PDB file of N, CA and C in Angstrom:
ATOM      1  N   MET A   1      46.120   4.971  -5.751  1.00  0.00           N
ATOM      2  CA  MET A   1      46.058   6.367  -5.575  1.00  0.00           C
ATOM      3  C   MET A   1      44.738   6.827  -4.742  1.00  0.00           C
ATOM      4  N   GLN A   2      45.234   7.481  -4.031  1.00  0.00           N
ATOM      5  CA  GLN A   2      43.923   7.738  -2.567  1.00  0.00           C
ATOM      6  C   GLN A   2      43.011   8.756  -2.887  1.00  0.00           C
ATOM      7  N   ARG A   3      42.070   8.409  -2.648  1.00  0.00           N
ATOM      8  CA  ARG A   3      40.959   9.592  -2.834  1.00  0.00           C
ATOM      9  C   ARG A   3      41.202  10.829  -1.942  1.00  0.00           C
ATOM     10  N   GLN A   4      40.982  11.901  -2.126  1.00  0.00           N
ATOM     11  CA  GLN A   4      40.833  13.066  -1.500  1.00  0.00           C
ATOM     12  C   GLN A   4      39.650  13.512  -0.713  1.00  0.00           C
ATOM     13  N   PRO A   5      39.621  13.486   0.776  1.00  0.00           N
ATOM     14  CA  PRO A   5      38.609  13.507   1.642  1.00  0.00           C
ATOM     15  C   PRO A   5      37.733  14.757   0.881  1.00  0.00           C
ATOM     16  N   ARG A   6      36.338  14.532   1.047  1.00  0.00           N
ATOM     17  CA  ARG A   6      35.641  15.953   0.200  1.00  0.00           C
ATOM     18  C   ARG A   6      35.633  17.035   1.560  1.00  0.00           C
ATOM     19  N   ALA A   7      35.361  18.162   1.111  1.00  0.00           N
ATOM     20  CA  ALA A   7      35.118  19.231   1.898  1.00  0.00           C
ATOM     21  C   ALA A   7      33.775  19.029   2.635  1.00  0.00           C
ATOM     22  N   PRO A   8      33.574  19.460   3.687  1.00  0.00           N
ATOM     23  CA  PRO A   8      32.572  19.300   4.598  1.00  0.00           C
ATOM     24  C   PRO A   8      31.272  19.800   4.023  1.00  0.00           C
ATOM     25  N   GLU A   9      31.454  20.871   3.433  1.00  0.00           N
ATOM     26  CA  GLU A   9      30.071  21.304   2.574  1.00  0.00           C
ATOM     27  C   GLU A   9      29.863  20.422   1.539  1.00  0.00           C
ATOM     28  N   ASP A  10      30.537  19.791   0.659  1.00  0.00           N
ATOM     29  CA  ASP A  10      30.210  18.797  -0.480  1.00  0.00           C
ATOM     30  C   ASP A  10      29.767  17.534   0.272  1.00  0.00           C
ATOM     31  N   GLU A  11      30.135  17.300   1.406  1.00  0.00           N
ATOM     32  CA  GLU A  11      29.812  15.882   2.059  1.00  0.00           C
ATOM     33  C   GLU A  11      28.331  16.393   2.742  1.00  0.00           C
ATOM     34  N   LEU A  12      27.899  17.597   3.084  1.00  0.00           N
ATOM     35  CA  LEU A  12      26.740  17.861   3.871  1.00  0.00           C
ATOM     36  C   LEU A  12      25.859  18.042   2.676  1.00  0.00           C
ATOM     37  N   THR A  13      26.094  18.445   1.525  1.00  0.00           N
ATOM     38  CA  THR A  13      25.181  18.675   0.234  1.00  0.00           C
ATOM     39  C   THR A  13      25.103  17.273  -0.392  1.00  0.00           C
ATOM     40  N   ALA A  14      26.110  16.448  -0.170  1.00  0.00           N
ATOM     41  CA  ALA A  14      25.857  15.005  -0.799  1.00  0.00           C
ATOM     42  C   ALA A  14      24.744  14.225   0.415  1.00  0.00           C
ATOM     43  N   LEU A  15      24.893  14.296   1.674  1.00  0.00           N
ATOM     44  CA  LEU A  15      24.123  13.775   2.537  1.00  0.00           C
ATOM     45  C   LEU A  15      22.639  14.360   2.515  1.00  0.00           C
ATOM     46  N   ARG A  16      22.557  15.629   2.267  1.00  0.00           N
ATOM     47  CA  ARG A  16      21.091  16.376   2.192  1.00  0.00           C
ATOM     48  C   ARG A  16      20.559  15.682   0.817  1.00  0.00           C
ATOM     49  N   ALA A  17      21.350  15.277   0.007  1.00  0.00           N
ATOM     50  CA  ALA A  17      20.676  14.811  -1.612  1.00  0.00           C
ATOM     51  C   ALA A  17      20.187  13.085  -1.180  1.00  0.00           C
ATOM     52  N   GLU A  18      20.757  12.658  -0.117  1.00  0.00           N
ATOM     53  CA  GLU A  18      20.641  11.245   0.232  1.00  0.00           C
ATOM     54  C   GLU A  18      19.240  11.250   0.780  1.00  0.00           C
ATOM     55  N   VAL A  19      19.335  12.178   2.017  1.00  0.00           N
ATOM     56  CA  VAL A  19      18.236  12.047   2.775  1.00  0.00           C
ATOM     57  C   VAL A  19      16.642  12.560   1.712  1.00  0.00           C
ATOM     58  N   ALA A  20      17.066  13.515   0.821  1.00  0.00           N
ATOM     59  CA  ALA A  20      15.763  13.805  -0.042  1.00  0.00           C
ATOM     60  C   ALA A  20      15.507  12.506  -0.718  1.00  0.00           C
ATOM     61  N   ARG A  21      16.299  11.890  -1.301  1.00  0.00           N
ATOM     62  CA  ARG A  21      15.890  10.763  -2.027  1.00  0.00           C
ATOM     63  C   ARG A  21      15.469   9.625  -0.872  1.00  0.00           C
ATOM     64  N   TYR A  22      15.569   9.509   0.072  1.00  0.00           N
ATOM     65  CA  TYR A  22      15.339   8.722   1.133  1.00  0.00           C
ATOM     66  C   TYR A  22      13.493   8.926   1.400  1.00  0.00           C
ATOM     67  N   LYS A  23      13.398  10.107   1.673  1.00  0.00           N
ATOM     68  CA  LYS A  23      12.123  10.699   1.816  1.00  0.00           C
ATOM     69  C   LYS A  23      11.467  10.664   0.655  1.00  0.00           C
ATOM     70  N   GLU A  24      11.821  10.869  -0.654  1.00  0.00           N
ATOM     71  CA  GLU A  24      10.805  10.367  -1.495  1.00  0.00           C
ATOM     72  C   GLU A  24      10.520   9.043  -1.450  1.00  0.00           C
ATOM     73  N   GLU A  25      11.748   8.133  -1.467  1.00  0.00           N
ATOM     74  CA  GLU A  25      11.240   6.630  -1.466  1.00  0.00           C
ATOM     75  C   GLU A  25      10.162   6.192  -0.400  1.00  0.00           C
ATOM     76  N   ALA A  26      10.383   6.926   0.952  1.00  0.00           N
ATOM     77  CA  ALA A  26       9.371   6.746   1.873  1.00  0.00           C
ATOM     78  C   ALA A  26       8.076   7.003   1.599  1.00  0.00           C
ATOM     79  N   GLU A  27       7.884   8.358   0.915  1.00  0.00           N
ATOM     80  CA  GLU A  27       6.677   8.737   0.403  1.00  0.00           C
ATOM     81  C   GLU A  27       6.126   7.946  -0.294  1.00  0.00           C
ATOM     82  N   ARG A  28       6.771   7.117  -1.482  1.00  0.00           N
ATOM     83  CA  ARG A  28       6.370   6.423  -2.533  1.00  0.00           C
ATOM     84  C   ARG A  28       5.824   4.906  -1.667  1.00  0.00           C
ATOM     85  N   ASN A  29       6.734   4.429  -0.759  1.00  0.00           N
ATOM     86  CA  ASN A  29       6.152   3.302   0.161  1.00  0.00           C
ATOM     87  C   ASN A  29       4.992   3.762   0.535  1.00  0.00           C
ATOM     88  N   TRP A  30       4.914   4.603   1.369  1.00  0.00           N
ATOM     89  CA  TRP A  30       3.551   5.078   2.331  1.00  0.00           C
ATOM     90  C   TRP A  30       2.507   5.156   1.220  1.00  0.00           C
ATOM     91  N   GLN A  31       2.470   5.755  -0.100  1.00  0.00           N
ATOM     92  CA  GLN A  31       1.018   5.512  -0.902  1.00  0.00           C
ATOM     93  C   GLN A  31       0.984   4.339  -1.586  1.00  0.00           C
ATOM     94  N   GLN A  32       1.977   3.608  -1.456  1.00  0.00           N
ATOM     95  CA  GLN A  32       1.742   2.240  -2.016  1.00  0.00           C
ATOM     96  C   GLN A  32       0.992   1.344  -0.986  1.00  0.00           C
ATOM     97  N   PHE A  33       1.518   1.561   0.360  1.00  0.00           N
ATOM     98  CA  PHE A  33       0.755   0.994   1.436  1.00  0.00           C
ATOM     99  C   PHE A  33      -0.789   1.311   1.601  1.00  0.00           C
ATOM    100  N   LEU A  34      -0.895   2.737   1.298  1.00  0.00           N
ATOM    101  CA  LEU A  34      -1.910   2.995   1.688  1.00  0.00           C
ATOM    102  C   LEU A  34      -3.278   2.763   0.547  1.00  0.00           C
ATOM    103  N   HIS A  35      -2.521   2.623  -0.826  1.00  0.00           N
ATOM    104  CA  HIS A  35      -3.235   1.979  -1.667  1.00  0.00           C
ATOM    105  C   HIS A  35      -3.494   0.435  -1.710  1.00  0.00           C
ATOM    106  N   ALA A  36      -2.605  -0.296  -1.267  1.00  0.00           N
ATOM    107  CA  ALA A  36      -2.914  -1.533  -1.036  1.00  0.00           C
ATOM    108  C   ALA A  36      -3.857  -1.804   0.330  1.00  0.00           C
ATOM    109  N   ALA A  37      -3.736  -1.029   1.352  1.00  0.00           N
ATOM    110  CA  ALA A  37      -4.904  -0.981   2.364  1.00  0.00           C
ATOM    111  C   ALA A  37      -5.987  -0.861   1.918  1.00  0.00           C
ATOM    112  N   ALA A  38      -6.317   0.125   0.871  1.00  0.00           N
ATOM    113  CA  ALA A  38      -7.563   0.222   0.445  1.00  0.00           C
ATOM    114  C   ALA A  38      -8.053  -0.795  -0.371  1.00  0.00           C
ATOM    115  N   ASP A  39      -7.292  -1.379  -1.374  1.00  0.00           N
ATOM    116  CA  ASP A  39      -7.523  -2.544  -2.310  1.00  0.00           C
ATOM    117  C   ASP A  39      -8.269  -3.687  -1.029  1.00  0.00           C
ATOM    118  N   LEU A  40      -7.274  -4.041  -0.070  1.00  0.00           N
ATOM    119  CA  LEU A  40      -7.808  -4.989   0.880  1.00  0.00           C
ATOM    120  C   LEU A  40      -9.134  -4.674   1.461  1.00  0.00           C
ATOM    121  N   GLU A  41      -9.360  -3.476   1.894  1.00  0.00           N
ATOM    122  CA  GLU A  41     -10.606  -3.169   2.544  1.00  0.00           C
ATOM    123  C   GLU A  41     -11.851  -3.209   1.358  1.00  0.00           C
ATOM    124  N   ASN A  42     -11.812  -2.864   0.214  1.00  0.00           N
ATOM    125  CA  ASN A  42     -12.649  -3.019  -0.701  1.00  0.00           C
ATOM    126  C   ASN A  42     -13.010  -4.618  -1.180  1.00  0.00           C
ATOM    127  N   TYR A  43     -11.749  -5.482  -1.062  1.00  0.00           N
ATOM    128  CA  TYR A  43     -11.714  -6.772  -1.200  1.00  0.00           C
ATOM    129  C   TYR A  43     -12.522  -7.489  -0.041  1.00  0.00           C
ATOM    130  N   LYS A  44     -12.660  -6.711   1.076  1.00  0.00           N
ATOM    131  CA  LYS A  44     -13.338  -7.450   2.394  1.00  0.00           C
ATOM    132  C   LYS A  44     -14.873  -7.092   2.099  1.00  0.00           C
ATOM    133  N   LYS A  45     -15.021  -5.838   1.587  1.00  0.00           N
ATOM    134  CA  LYS A  45     -16.510  -5.345   1.322  1.00  0.00           C
ATOM    135  C   LYS A  45     -17.193  -6.288   0.293  1.00  0.00           C
ATOM    136  N   GLN A  46     -16.344  -6.529  -0.894  1.00  0.00           N
ATOM    137  CA  GLN A  46     -17.034  -7.155  -2.077  1.00  0.00           C
ATOM    138  C   GLN A  46     -17.091  -8.652  -1.405  1.00  0.00           C
ATOM    139  N   ALA A  47     -16.289  -9.264  -0.734  1.00  0.00           N
ATOM    140  CA  ALA A  47     -16.500 -10.823  -0.517  1.00  0.00           C
ATOM    141  C   ALA A  47     -17.619 -10.747   0.700  1.00  0.00           C
ATOM    142  N   SER A  48     -17.726  -9.907   1.650  1.00  0.00           N
ATOM    143  CA  SER A  48     -19.057  -9.960   2.528  1.00  0.00           C
ATOM    144  C   SER A  48     -20.467  -9.944   1.694  1.00  0.00           C
ATOM    145  N   ARG A  49     -20.410  -8.753   0.676  1.00  0.00           N
ATOM    146  CA  ARG A  49     -21.478  -8.641  -0.063  1.00  0.00           C
ATOM    147  C   ARG A  49     -21.899  -9.929  -0.654  1.00  0.00           C
ATOM    148  N   GLN A  50     -20.742 -10.511  -1.459  1.00  0.00           N
ATOM    149  CA  GLN A  50     -20.853 -11.966  -2.210  1.00  0.00           C
ATOM    150  C   GLN A  50     -21.305 -13.036  -1.261  1.00  0.00           C
ATOM    151  N   ARG A  51     -20.915 -13.036  -0.235  1.00  0.00           N
ATOM    152  CA  ARG A  51     -21.470 -14.058   0.758  1.00  0.00           C
ATOM    153  C   ARG A  51     -22.684 -13.682   1.479  1.00  0.00           C
ATOM    154  N   GLU A  52     -23.096 -12.283   1.362  1.00  0.00           N
ATOM    155  CA  GLU A  52     -24.524 -12.336   1.944  1.00  0.00           C
ATOM    156  C   GLU A  52     -25.593 -12.621   0.524  1.00  0.00           C
ATOM    157  N   ASP A  53     -24.966 -12.280  -0.332  1.00  0.00           N
ATOM    158  CA  ASP A  53     -25.741 -12.618  -1.607  1.00  0.00           C
ATOM    159  C   ASP A  53     -25.879 -13.952  -1.861  1.00  0.00           C
ATOM    160  N   ALA A  54     -25.194 -14.827  -1.478  1.00  0.00           N
ATOM    161  CA  ALA A  54     -25.222 -16.416  -1.636  1.00  0.00           C
ATOM    162  C   ALA A  54     -26.117 -16.786  -0.694  1.00  0.00           C
ATOM    163  N   VAL A  55     -25.966 -16.610   0.467  1.00  0.00           N
ATOM    164  CA  VAL A  55     -27.067 -16.712   1.598  1.00  0.00           C
ATOM    165  C   VAL A  55     -28.436 -16.536   1.193  1.00  0.00           C
ATOM    166  N   GLN A  56     -28.561 -15.166   0.415  1.00  0.00           N
ATOM    167  CA  GLN A  56     -30.036 -14.903   0.458  1.00  0.00           C
ATOM    168  C   GLN A  56     -30.567 -15.765  -0.795  1.00  0.00           C
ATOM    169  N   ARG A  57     -29.690 -16.121  -1.696  1.00  0.00           N
ATOM    170  CA  ARG A  57     -30.304 -17.072  -2.892  1.00  0.00           C
ATOM    171  C   ARG A  57     -30.411 -18.094  -2.384  1.00  0.00           C
ATOM    172  N   ALA A  58     -29.583 -18.922  -1.310  1.00  0.00           N
ATOM    173  CA  ALA A  58     -29.685 -20.122  -0.850  1.00  0.00           C
ATOM    174  C   ALA A  58     -30.984 -20.087   0.068  1.00  0.00           C
ATOM    175  N   ARG A  59     -31.565 -19.271   0.708  1.00  0.00           N
ATOM    176  CA  ARG A  59     -32.937 -18.820   1.447  1.00  0.00           C
ATOM    177  C   ARG A  59     -34.114 -18.845   0.366  1.00  0.00           C
ATOM    178  N   PHE A  60     -33.703 -18.085  -0.729  1.00  0.00           N
ATOM    179  CA  PHE A  60     -34.677 -18.103  -1.756  1.00  0.00           C
ATOM    180  C   PHE A  60     -34.937 -19.588  -2.069  1.00  0.00           C
ATOM    181  N   ALA A  61     -34.014 -20.519  -2.349  1.00  0.00           N
ATOM    182  CA  ALA A  61     -34.047 -21.641  -3.023  1.00  0.00           C
ATOM    183  C   ALA A  61     -34.801 -22.537  -2.048  1.00  0.00           C
ATOM    184  N   VAL A  62     -34.343 -22.603  -0.706  1.00  0.00           N
ATOM    185  CA  VAL A  62     -35.158 -23.245   0.340  1.00  0.00           C
ATOM    186  C   VAL A  62     -36.536 -23.027   0.313  1.00  0.00           C
ATOM    187  N   LEU A  63     -36.693 -21.614   0.309  1.00  0.00           N
ATOM    188  CA  LEU A  63     -38.142 -21.322   0.344  1.00  0.00           C
ATOM    189  C   LEU A  63     -38.958 -21.763  -0.602  1.00  0.00           C
ATOM    190  N   ALA A  64     -38.380 -21.769  -2.123  1.00  0.00           N
ATOM    191  CA  ALA A  64     -39.095 -22.083  -3.336  1.00  0.00           C
ATOM    192  C   ALA A  64     -39.163 -23.724  -3.351  1.00  0.00           C
ATOM    193  N   ALA A  65     -38.548 -24.464  -2.373  1.00  0.00           N
ATOM    194  CA  ALA A  65     -38.450 -25.946  -2.633  1.00  0.00           C
ATOM    195  C   ALA A  65     -39.627 -26.294  -1.579  1.00  0.00           C
ATOM    196  N   VAL A  66     -39.853 -25.296  -0.882  1.00  0.00           N
ATOM    197  CA  VAL A  66     -40.997 -25.999   0.342  1.00  0.00           C
ATOM    198  C   VAL A  66     -42.352 -26.019  -0.406  1.00  0.00           C
TER     199      VAL A  66
END
């Protein structure tokens, strides 16, 4: 049994729905990317603060030992 070809209007409606789904998926992916980028930036800042704190503690320890 062969499938009947769809009417152009039906095909256009289906394609528009597919485009809408892809746009929603792209928006979700973009939001996930932005969230991940913000998480990475926060991690970098936290690591930098921790590194500076460790250096400061080491300096105090050296000065206290002198």
